[in-house]
Amino acid sequence: MKTFIQRLCFLVITVFGFNINASIAQPRPPGPPPPPPPGQISAPIDLTGTWVAIITEDWPTRMVTPLIGDTSSIPENQAAKDIAMEWRPEMDVGNECRAYGAAAIMNEPSRLRISWEDDLTLKMEIDSGMQTRYFHFGDSIPAGAPSRQGHTVAHWSGPFTQTPRQFGLGINQVNQPPSFMEAHTGNLIPGYLRKNGIPHSDQATVTEYFDVIQIADGSTWLIDVVIVDDPVYLSQPYVVSRNFKKEADDSKWNPQDCFVTNPGW
């Protein structure tokens, strides 16, 4: 009897021990990879440097102030049209920067100077209007009070099946990076989408996709796809693509105050 019990105990221990060991040895199914660290340390593209705007589209509305009531290419609603028709240049004397906020500043024929303020903050200086934008990686920076440039949260994104390059240069591109920066801006004060008084409200939000490409001639280009949503003054999102070419240095950097010119009639 004792021998039988001993054999039974040995069998139980052997079977259960084998099952435990087999369970331990069984590999677990792989989970999703951890997200890359935010900010400069994981940047897949280099946005730093000095860039000059190349005006390849919308020249008449970007290089001069368009006619009063000219809202071409902007999907404004009737409320915005009414405001634009009432606009006059003298209305902005003393408040000239209304068209230099985050929803419109990239339309300016300007230069950008981009650098890392710290590991989690990308700084963009704009010589037109002497404006500065900050792109915060992560949610650790509070939004603060509403402002002309608002509060921008950024992260690295991609690759996508549809990329910002489809909105950008129609030229031969090489060495295309697989990822880009996605940025979301809110917390804005009211301003203009164009210098002739086309308004955006404080509920406007701006989504941007920044991409860097090299083309066959060896030059480097920055593409910024800008999408403005405004439930108050737009009937649908306002989408544009702005192109900037990298310069060797900032010797042509020329900060200028915001200004208003008479419409180009």
C-alpha atoms as a PDB file:
ATOM      1  CA  MET A   1       0.000   0.000   0.000  1.00  0.00           C
ATOM      2  CA  LYS A   2       2.791   2.377   0.883  1.00  0.00           C
ATOM      3  CA  THR A   3       4.542   1.699  -2.395  1.00  0.00           C
ATOM      4  CA  PHE A   4       1.346   2.422  -4.350  1.00  0.00           C
ATOM      5  CA  ILE A   5       0.834   5.769  -2.580  1.00  0.00           C
ATOM      6  CA  GLN A   6       4.447   6.731  -3.179  1.00  0.00           C
ATOM      7  CA  ARG A   7       4.115   5.922  -6.876  1.00  0.00           C
ATOM      8  CA  LEU A   8       0.869   7.911  -7.071  1.00  0.00           C
ATOM      9  CA  CYS A   9       2.452  10.964  -5.443  1.00  0.00           C
ATOM     10  CA  PHE A  10       5.418  10.711  -7.793  1.00  0.00           C
ATOM     11  CA  LEU A  11       3.076  10.556 -10.796  1.00  0.00           C
ATOM     12  CA  VAL A  12       1.057  13.615  -9.656  1.00  0.00           C
ATOM     13  CA  ILE A  13       4.179  15.656  -9.006  1.00  0.00           C
ATOM     14  CA  THR A  14       5.693  14.653 -12.329  1.00  0.00           C
ATOM     15  CA  VAL A  15       2.558  15.485 -14.357  1.00  0.00           C
ATOM     16  CA  PHE A  16       1.798  18.790 -12.648  1.00  0.00           C
ATOM     17  CA  GLY A  17       5.440  19.763 -12.603  1.00  0.00           C
ATOM     18  CA  PHE A  18       5.656  19.131 -16.334  1.00  0.00           C
ATOM     19  CA  ASN A  19       2.557  21.241 -16.945  1.00  0.00           C
ATOM     20  CA  ILE A  20       3.924  24.102 -14.861  1.00  0.00           C
ATOM     21  CA  ASN A  21       7.243  24.003 -16.672  1.00  0.00           C
ATOM     22  CA  ALA A  22       5.511  23.799 -20.040  1.00  0.00           C
ATOM     23  CA  SER A  23       3.372  26.809 -19.124  1.00  0.00           C
ATOM     24  CA  ILE A  24       6.412  28.782 -18.112  1.00  0.00           C
ATOM     25  CA  ALA A  25       8.284  27.857 -21.254  1.00  0.00           C
ATOM     26  CA  GLN A  26       5.373  28.719 -23.570  1.00  0.00           C
ATOM     27  CA  PRO A  27       6.157  32.074 -25.263  1.00  0.00           C
ATOM     28  CA  ARG A  28       3.552  34.796 -24.854  1.00  0.00           C
ATOM     29  CA  PRO A  29       2.050  36.354 -27.963  1.00  0.00           C
ATOM     30  CA  PRO A  30       3.846  39.603 -28.836  1.00  0.00           C
ATOM     31  CA  GLY A  31       2.036  42.822 -27.870  1.00  0.00           C
ATOM     32  CA  PRO A  32       2.148  46.162 -29.659  1.00  0.00           C
ATOM     33  CA  PRO A  33       5.582  47.795 -29.621  1.00  0.00           C
ATOM     34  CA  PRO A  34       6.025  50.637 -27.138  1.00  0.00           C
ATOM     35  CA  PRO A  35       5.485  54.109 -28.577  1.00  0.00           C
ATOM     36  CA  PRO A  36       8.658  55.987 -29.525  1.00  0.00           C
ATOM     37  CA  PRO A  37       9.816  58.650 -27.091  1.00  0.00           C
ATOM     38  CA  PRO A  38       8.391  62.055 -27.949  1.00  0.00           C
ATOM     39  CA  GLY A  39      10.280  65.064 -29.168  1.00  0.00           C
ATOM     40  CA  GLN A  40      13.777  65.547 -30.496  1.00  0.00           C
ATOM     41  CA  ILE A  41      15.234  62.185 -29.506  1.00  0.00           C
ATOM     42  CA  SER A  42      12.967  60.235 -31.886  1.00  0.00           C
ATOM     43  CA  ALA A  43      12.616  62.795 -34.692  1.00  0.00           C
ATOM     44  CA  PRO A  44      12.448  60.889 -38.025  1.00  0.00           C
ATOM     45  CA  ILE A  45      13.005  64.088 -40.023  1.00  0.00           C
ATOM     46  CA  ASP A  46      15.038  67.232 -39.432  1.00  0.00           C
ATOM     47  CA  LEU A  47      12.863  70.350 -39.414  1.00  0.00           C
ATOM     48  CA  THR A  48      15.557  72.658 -38.091  1.00  0.00           C
ATOM     49  CA  GLY A  49      17.154  75.408 -40.130  1.00  0.00           C
ATOM     50  CA  THR A  50      16.040  78.469 -42.070  1.00  0.00           C
ATOM     51  CA  TRP A  51      13.392  78.079 -44.759  1.00  0.00           C
ATOM     52  CA  VAL A  52      12.040  80.561 -47.296  1.00  0.00           C
ATOM     53  CA  ALA A  53       8.471  80.436 -48.603  1.00  0.00           C
ATOM     54  CA  ILE A  54       8.147  79.516 -52.277  1.00  0.00           C
ATOM     55  CA  ILE A  55       4.925  81.045 -53.574  1.00  0.00           C
ATOM     56  CA  THR A  56       3.793  78.407 -56.048  1.00  0.00           C
ATOM     57  CA  GLU A  57       0.067  78.985 -55.587  1.00  0.00           C
ATOM     58  CA  ASP A  58      -2.376  81.702 -54.457  1.00  0.00           C
ATOM     59  CA  TRP A  59       0.133  84.406 -55.444  1.00  0.00           C
ATOM     60  CA  PRO A  60      -2.507  87.218 -55.796  1.00  0.00           C
ATOM     61  CA  THR A  61      -3.872  86.655 -52.279  1.00  0.00           C
ATOM     62  CA  ARG A  62      -0.532  86.069 -50.530  1.00  0.00           C
ATOM     63  CA  MET A  63       1.755  88.715 -52.014  1.00  0.00           C
ATOM     64  CA  VAL A  64      -0.741  91.583 -51.810  1.00  0.00           C
ATOM     65  CA  THR A  65      -3.878  92.259 -49.826  1.00  0.00           C
ATOM     66  CA  PRO A  66      -6.754  91.128 -52.066  1.00  0.00           C
ATOM     67  CA  LEU A  67      -9.830  93.155 -52.912  1.00  0.00           C
ATOM     68  CA  ILE A  68     -12.484  93.781 -50.300  1.00  0.00           C
ATOM     69  CA  GLY A  69     -14.904  90.872 -50.396  1.00  0.00           C
ATOM     70  CA  ASP A  70     -12.505  88.540 -52.247  1.00  0.00           C
ATOM     71  CA  THR A  71     -12.959  85.247 -50.430  1.00  0.00           C
ATOM     72  CA  SER A  72     -11.869  83.030 -53.337  1.00  0.00           C
ATOM     73  CA  SER A  73     -10.750  79.494 -52.383  1.00  0.00           C
ATOM     74  CA  ILE A  74     -11.895  79.891 -48.763  1.00  0.00           C
ATOM     75  CA  PRO A  75     -15.087  77.928 -47.925  1.00  0.00           C
ATOM     76  CA  GLU A  76     -16.572  80.724 -45.826  1.00  0.00           C
ATOM     77  CA  ASN A  77     -20.243  80.843 -44.849  1.00  0.00           C
ATOM     78  CA  GLN A  78     -22.579  83.773 -45.258  1.00  0.00           C
ATOM     79  CA  ALA A  79     -21.685  85.231 -41.859  1.00  0.00           C
ATOM     80  CA  ALA A  80     -18.019  85.391 -42.866  1.00  0.00           C
ATOM     81  CA  LYS A  81     -18.883  86.910 -46.244  1.00  0.00           C
ATOM     82  CA  ASP A  82     -20.902  89.647 -44.584  1.00  0.00           C
ATOM     83  CA  ILE A  83     -18.009  90.517 -42.262  1.00  0.00           C
ATOM     84  CA  ALA A  84     -15.498  90.477 -45.123  1.00  0.00           C
ATOM     85  CA  MET A  85     -17.634  92.864 -47.178  1.00  0.00           C
ATOM     86  CA  GLU A  86     -17.651  95.363 -44.299  1.00  0.00           C
ATOM     87  CA  TRP A  87     -13.880  95.253 -43.771  1.00  0.00           C
ATOM     88  CA  ARG A  88     -11.713  98.324 -44.433  1.00  0.00           C
ATOM     89  CA  PRO A  89      -7.912  98.656 -43.903  1.00  0.00           C
ATOM     90  CA  GLU A  90      -8.278 101.452 -41.353  1.00  0.00           C
ATOM     91  CA  MET A  91     -10.217  99.073 -39.091  1.00  0.00           C
ATOM     92  CA  ASP A  92      -6.978  97.241 -38.278  1.00  0.00           C
ATOM     93  CA  VAL A  93      -4.761 100.195 -37.434  1.00  0.00           C
ATOM     94  CA  GLY A  94      -3.220  99.331 -34.083  1.00  0.00           C
ATOM     95  CA  ASN A  95      -4.242  95.689 -34.431  1.00  0.00           C
ATOM     96  CA  GLU A  96      -2.367  94.714 -37.587  1.00  0.00           C
ATOM     97  CA  CYS A  97      -1.510  91.166 -36.510  1.00  0.00           C
ATOM     98  CA  ARG A  98      -5.004  89.735 -36.968  1.00  0.00           C
ATOM     99  CA  ALA A  99      -3.887  87.871 -40.106  1.00  0.00           C
ATOM    100  CA  TYR A 100      -0.647  86.616 -38.504  1.00  0.00           C
ATOM    101  CA  GLY A 101      -2.093  83.946 -36.200  1.00  0.00           C
ATOM    102  CA  ALA A 102      -1.606  80.182 -36.444  1.00  0.00           C
ATOM    103  CA  ALA A 103      -4.576  79.784 -38.807  1.00  0.00           C
ATOM    104  CA  ALA A 104      -3.016  82.048 -41.471  1.00  0.00           C
ATOM    105  CA  ILE A 105       0.646  82.777 -40.705  1.00  0.00           C
ATOM    106  CA  MET A 106       1.978  80.033 -42.997  1.00  0.00           C
ATOM    107  CA  ASN A 107       0.402  81.867 -45.948  1.00  0.00           C
ATOM    108  CA  GLU A 108       2.815  84.775 -45.492  1.00  0.00           C
ATOM    109  CA  PRO A 109       5.721  85.238 -47.952  1.00  0.00           C
ATOM    110  CA  SER A 110       8.113  84.761 -45.074  1.00  0.00           C
ATOM    111  CA  ARG A 111      11.112  82.931 -43.713  1.00  0.00           C
ATOM    112  CA  LEU A 112      10.950  80.349 -40.945  1.00  0.00           C
ATOM    113  CA  ARG A 113      13.737  79.723 -38.474  1.00  0.00           C
ATOM    114  CA  ILE A 114      13.166  76.396 -36.721  1.00  0.00           C
ATOM    115  CA  SER A 115      15.134  75.091 -33.744  1.00  0.00           C
ATOM    116  CA  TRP A 116      14.659  72.936 -30.641  1.00  0.00           C
ATOM    117  CA  GLU A 117      13.892  75.049 -27.574  1.00  0.00           C
ATOM    118  CA  ASP A 118      14.315  71.899 -25.473  1.00  0.00           C
ATOM    119  CA  ASP A 119      13.891  68.162 -26.013  1.00  0.00           C
ATOM    120  CA  LEU A 120      10.086  68.434 -26.063  1.00  0.00           C
ATOM    121  CA  THR A 121       9.549  71.858 -27.654  1.00  0.00           C
ATOM    122  CA  LEU A 122      10.124  72.783 -31.281  1.00  0.00           C
ATOM    123  CA  LYS A 123      10.391  76.538 -31.823  1.00  0.00           C
ATOM    124  CA  MET A 124       9.396  78.207 -35.099  1.00  0.00           C
ATOM    125  CA  GLU A 125      10.272  81.870 -35.562  1.00  0.00           C
ATOM    126  CA  ILE A 126       8.604  83.661 -38.482  1.00  0.00           C
ATOM    127  CA  ASP A 127      10.084  86.905 -39.738  1.00  0.00           C
ATOM    128  CA  SER A 128       6.770  88.177 -41.197  1.00  0.00           C
ATOM    129  CA  GLY A 129       5.081  89.830 -38.246  1.00  0.00           C
ATOM    130  CA  MET A 130       7.885  88.683 -35.917  1.00  0.00           C
ATOM    131  CA  GLN A 131       5.760  85.786 -34.722  1.00  0.00           C
ATOM    132  CA  THR A 132       6.889  82.694 -32.783  1.00  0.00           C
ATOM    133  CA  ARG A 133       5.141  79.341 -32.616  1.00  0.00           C
ATOM    134  CA  TYR A 134       5.901  76.513 -30.173  1.00  0.00           C
ATOM    135  CA  PHE A 135       5.161  72.862 -30.921  1.00  0.00           C
ATOM    136  CA  HIS A 136       4.880  70.882 -27.684  1.00  0.00           C
ATOM    137  CA  PHE A 137       5.466  67.131 -27.696  1.00  0.00           C
ATOM    138  CA  GLY A 138       3.309  65.628 -24.944  1.00  0.00           C
ATOM    139  CA  ASP A 139       0.639  67.134 -22.744  1.00  0.00           C
ATOM    140  CA  SER A 140       2.865  68.388 -19.924  1.00  0.00           C
ATOM    141  CA  ILE A 141       2.702  72.059 -20.987  1.00  0.00           C
ATOM    142  CA  PRO A 142      -0.562  73.797 -19.981  1.00  0.00           C
ATOM    143  CA  ALA A 143      -2.381  75.744 -22.687  1.00  0.00           C
ATOM    144  CA  GLY A 144      -2.511  79.029 -20.784  1.00  0.00           C
ATOM    145  CA  ALA A 145      -4.587  81.972 -21.965  1.00  0.00           C
ATOM    146  CA  PRO A 146      -5.874  82.060 -25.565  1.00  0.00           C
ATOM    147  CA  SER A 147      -3.454  83.815 -27.898  1.00  0.00           C
ATOM    148  CA  ARG A 148      -2.708  84.647 -31.527  1.00  0.00           C
ATOM    149  CA  GLN A 149      -0.599  81.489 -31.989  1.00  0.00           C
ATOM    150  CA  GLY A 150      -2.681  79.396 -29.603  1.00  0.00           C
ATOM    151  CA  HIS A 151      -1.445  76.153 -28.069  1.00  0.00           C
ATOM    152  CA  THR A 152       0.051  73.464 -30.306  1.00  0.00           C
ATOM    153  CA  VAL A 153       0.566  69.790 -29.441  1.00  0.00           C
ATOM    154  CA  ALA A 154       2.690  67.771 -31.865  1.00  0.00           C
ATOM    155  CA  HIS A 155       3.747  64.174 -32.401  1.00  0.00           C
ATOM    156  CA  TRP A 156       5.603  62.124 -34.989  1.00  0.00           C
ATOM    157  CA  SER A 157       3.261  60.292 -37.321  1.00  0.00           C
ATOM    158  CA  GLY A 158       3.187  57.910 -40.295  1.00  0.00           C
ATOM    159  CA  PRO A 159       3.721  56.220 -42.540  1.00  0.00           C
ATOM    160  CA  PHE A 160       0.248  56.587 -44.027  1.00  0.00           C
ATOM    161  CA  THR A 161      -1.206  55.277 -47.276  1.00  0.00           C
ATOM    162  CA  GLN A 162      -2.083  58.889 -48.090  1.00  0.00           C
ATOM    163  CA  THR A 163       0.664  61.299 -47.138  1.00  0.00           C
ATOM    164  CA  PRO A 164       1.048  65.065 -47.085  1.00  0.00           C
ATOM    165  CA  ARG A 165       3.296  64.772 -50.135  1.00  0.00           C
ATOM    166  CA  GLN A 166       0.169  64.308 -52.229  1.00  0.00           C
ATOM    167  CA  PHE A 167      -0.687  67.928 -51.439  1.00  0.00           C
ATOM    168  CA  GLY A 168       2.834  69.193 -52.020  1.00  0.00           C
ATOM    169  CA  LEU A 169       5.329  69.495 -54.822  1.00  0.00           C
ATOM    170  CA  GLY A 170       4.503  67.931 -58.151  1.00  0.00           C
ATOM    171  CA  ILE A 171       8.188  67.236 -58.883  1.00  0.00           C
ATOM    172  CA  ASN A 172      10.571  64.310 -58.809  1.00  0.00           C
ATOM    173  CA  GLN A 173      11.283  63.466 -55.180  1.00  0.00           C
ATOM    174  CA  VAL A 174      14.029  61.228 -53.782  1.00  0.00           C
ATOM    175  CA  ASN A 175      15.055  60.033 -50.316  1.00  0.00           C
ATOM    176  CA  GLN A 176      11.568  60.514 -48.956  1.00  0.00           C
ATOM    177  CA  PRO A 177      11.388  59.935 -45.189  1.00  0.00           C
ATOM    178  CA  PRO A 178       8.663  57.551 -44.002  1.00  0.00           C
ATOM    179  CA  SER A 179       7.293  59.808 -41.265  1.00  0.00           C
ATOM    180  CA  PHE A 180       6.361  63.403 -40.560  1.00  0.00           C
ATOM    181  CA  MET A 181       5.188  65.727 -37.809  1.00  0.00           C
ATOM    182  CA  GLU A 182       1.507  66.115 -37.066  1.00  0.00           C
ATOM    183  CA  ALA A 183       0.460  69.202 -35.082  1.00  0.00           C
ATOM    184  CA  HIS A 184      -2.867  70.319 -33.608  1.00  0.00           C
ATOM    185  CA  THR A 185      -3.463  73.939 -32.574  1.00  0.00           C
ATOM    186  CA  GLY A 186      -6.331  75.358 -30.558  1.00  0.00           C
ATOM    187  CA  ASN A 187      -6.818  77.953 -27.826  1.00  0.00           C
ATOM    188  CA  LEU A 188      -6.803  80.751 -30.408  1.00  0.00           C
ATOM    189  CA  ILE A 189      -8.174  84.254 -30.227  1.00  0.00           C
ATOM    190  CA  PRO A 190     -10.277  85.528 -33.165  1.00  0.00           C
ATOM    191  CA  GLY A 191      -8.322  86.608 -36.225  1.00  0.00           C
ATOM    192  CA  TYR A 192      -8.239  86.640 -40.013  1.00  0.00           C
ATOM    193  CA  LEU A 193      -7.658  83.905 -42.564  1.00  0.00           C
ATOM    194  CA  ARG A 194      -6.594  86.573 -45.037  1.00  0.00           C
ATOM    195  CA  LYS A 195      -5.532  90.223 -44.720  1.00  0.00           C
ATOM    196  CA  ASN A 196      -8.738  91.532 -46.286  1.00  0.00           C
ATOM    197  CA  GLY A 197     -10.744  90.731 -43.187  1.00  0.00           C
ATOM    198  CA  ILE A 198     -11.957  87.158 -43.773  1.00  0.00           C
ATOM    199  CA  PRO A 199     -12.543  86.094 -40.168  1.00  0.00           C
ATOM    200  CA  HIS A 200     -11.899  83.013 -38.100  1.00  0.00           C
ATOM    201  CA  SER A 201     -13.372  82.624 -34.637  1.00  0.00           C
ATOM    202  CA  ASP A 202     -11.901  81.591 -31.301  1.00  0.00           C
ATOM    203  CA  GLN A 203     -13.350  78.119 -31.962  1.00  0.00           C
ATOM    204  CA  ALA A 204     -11.075  77.578 -34.964  1.00  0.00           C
ATOM    205  CA  THR A 205      -8.610  74.693 -34.834  1.00  0.00           C
ATOM    206  CA  VAL A 206      -5.603  74.061 -37.048  1.00  0.00           C
ATOM    207  CA  THR A 207      -4.237  70.646 -38.033  1.00  0.00           C
ATOM    208  CA  GLU A 208      -0.888  70.513 -39.830  1.00  0.00           C
ATOM    209  CA  TYR A 209       1.313  67.862 -41.410  1.00  0.00           C
ATOM    210  CA  PHE A 210       4.982  68.812 -41.803  1.00  0.00           C
ATOM    211  CA  ASP A 211       7.154  66.796 -44.163  1.00  0.00           C
ATOM    212  CA  VAL A 212      10.744  67.231 -45.370  1.00  0.00           C
ATOM    213  CA  ILE A 213      11.831  65.997 -48.789  1.00  0.00           C
ATOM    214  CA  GLN A 214      14.894  66.161 -50.983  1.00  0.00           C
ATOM    215  CA  ILE A 215      14.530  66.547 -54.728  1.00  0.00           C
ATOM    216  CA  ALA A 216      16.750  65.599 -57.628  1.00  0.00           C
ATOM    217  CA  ASP A 217      18.645  68.902 -57.726  1.00  0.00           C
ATOM    218  CA  GLY A 218      19.836  68.338 -54.142  1.00  0.00           C
ATOM    219  CA  SER A 219      17.662  71.004 -52.508  1.00  0.00           C
ATOM    220  CA  THR A 220      15.625  70.311 -49.388  1.00  0.00           C
ATOM    221  CA  TRP A 221      11.979  71.338 -49.077  1.00  0.00           C
ATOM    222  CA  LEU A 222       9.560  71.635 -46.181  1.00  0.00           C
ATOM    223  CA  ILE A 223       5.912  70.906 -46.991  1.00  0.00           C
ATOM    224  CA  ASP A 224       3.209  72.093 -44.592  1.00  0.00           C
ATOM    225  CA  VAL A 225      -0.348  70.919 -45.195  1.00  0.00           C
ATOM    226  CA  VAL A 226      -2.672  73.204 -43.216  1.00  0.00           C
ATOM    227  CA  ILE A 227      -6.282  72.309 -42.397  1.00  0.00           C
ATOM    228  CA  VAL A 228      -8.408  74.938 -40.644  1.00  0.00           C
ATOM    229  CA  ASP A 229     -11.758  73.990 -39.109  1.00  0.00           C
ATOM    230  CA  ASP A 230     -14.096  76.679 -37.817  1.00  0.00           C
ATOM    231  CA  PRO A 231     -17.745  75.891 -36.969  1.00  0.00           C
ATOM    232  CA  VAL A 232     -18.541  79.615 -36.806  1.00  0.00           C
ATOM    233  CA  TYR A 233     -17.267  80.930 -40.151  1.00  0.00           C
ATOM    234  CA  LEU A 234     -16.408  77.973 -42.416  1.00  0.00           C
ATOM    235  CA  SER A 235     -18.814  75.663 -44.215  1.00  0.00           C
ATOM    236  CA  GLN A 236     -16.124  72.977 -44.530  1.00  0.00           C
ATOM    237  CA  PRO A 237     -12.411  72.604 -43.706  1.00  0.00           C
ATOM    238  CA  TYR A 238     -10.066  75.063 -45.416  1.00  0.00           C
ATOM    239  CA  VAL A 239      -7.091  73.086 -46.776  1.00  0.00           C
ATOM    240  CA  VAL A 240      -3.889  74.509 -48.271  1.00  0.00           C
ATOM    241  CA  SER A 241      -0.339  73.269 -48.845  1.00  0.00           C
ATOM    242  CA  ARG A 242       2.610  75.617 -48.307  1.00  0.00           C
ATOM    243  CA  ASN A 243       6.133  75.000 -49.615  1.00  0.00           C
ATOM    244  CA  PHE A 244       9.421  76.228 -48.125  1.00  0.00           C
ATOM    245  CA  LYS A 245      12.961  75.740 -49.402  1.00  0.00           C
ATOM    246  CA  LYS A 246      15.899  75.332 -47.039  1.00  0.00           C
ATOM    247  CA  GLU A 247      18.549  78.043 -47.070  1.00  0.00           C
ATOM    248  CA  ALA A 248      22.231  77.611 -46.283  1.00  0.00           C
ATOM    249  CA  ASP A 249      22.077  80.053 -43.352  1.00  0.00           C
ATOM    250  CA  ASP A 250      19.933  82.830 -41.911  1.00  0.00           C
ATOM    251  CA  SER A 251      21.789  85.719 -43.596  1.00  0.00           C
ATOM    252  CA  LYS A 252      18.557  86.806 -45.302  1.00  0.00           C
ATOM    253  CA  TRP A 253      16.543  86.686 -42.080  1.00  0.00           C
ATOM    254  CA  ASN A 254      14.611  89.977 -41.923  1.00  0.00           C
ATOM    255  CA  PRO A 255      12.004  90.327 -39.125  1.00  0.00           C
ATOM    256  CA  GLN A 256       9.251  92.834 -39.938  1.00  0.00           C
ATOM    257  CA  ASP A 257       6.292  94.053 -37.901  1.00  0.00           C
ATOM    258  CA  CYS A 258       2.772  93.052 -38.865  1.00  0.00           C
ATOM    259  CA  PHE A 259       1.400  95.445 -41.441  1.00  0.00           C
ATOM    260  CA  VAL A 260      -1.783  96.149 -43.373  1.00  0.00           C
ATOM    261  CA  THR A 261      -1.734  97.399 -46.945  1.00  0.00           C
ATOM    262  CA  ASN A 262      -4.532  98.783 -49.037  1.00  0.00           C
ATOM    263  CA  PRO A 263      -6.333  96.122 -51.063  1.00  0.00           C
ATOM    264  CA  GLY A 264      -4.766  95.626 -54.466  1.00  0.00           C
ATOM    265  CA  TRP A 265      -7.396  97.256 -56.585  1.00  0.00           C
END
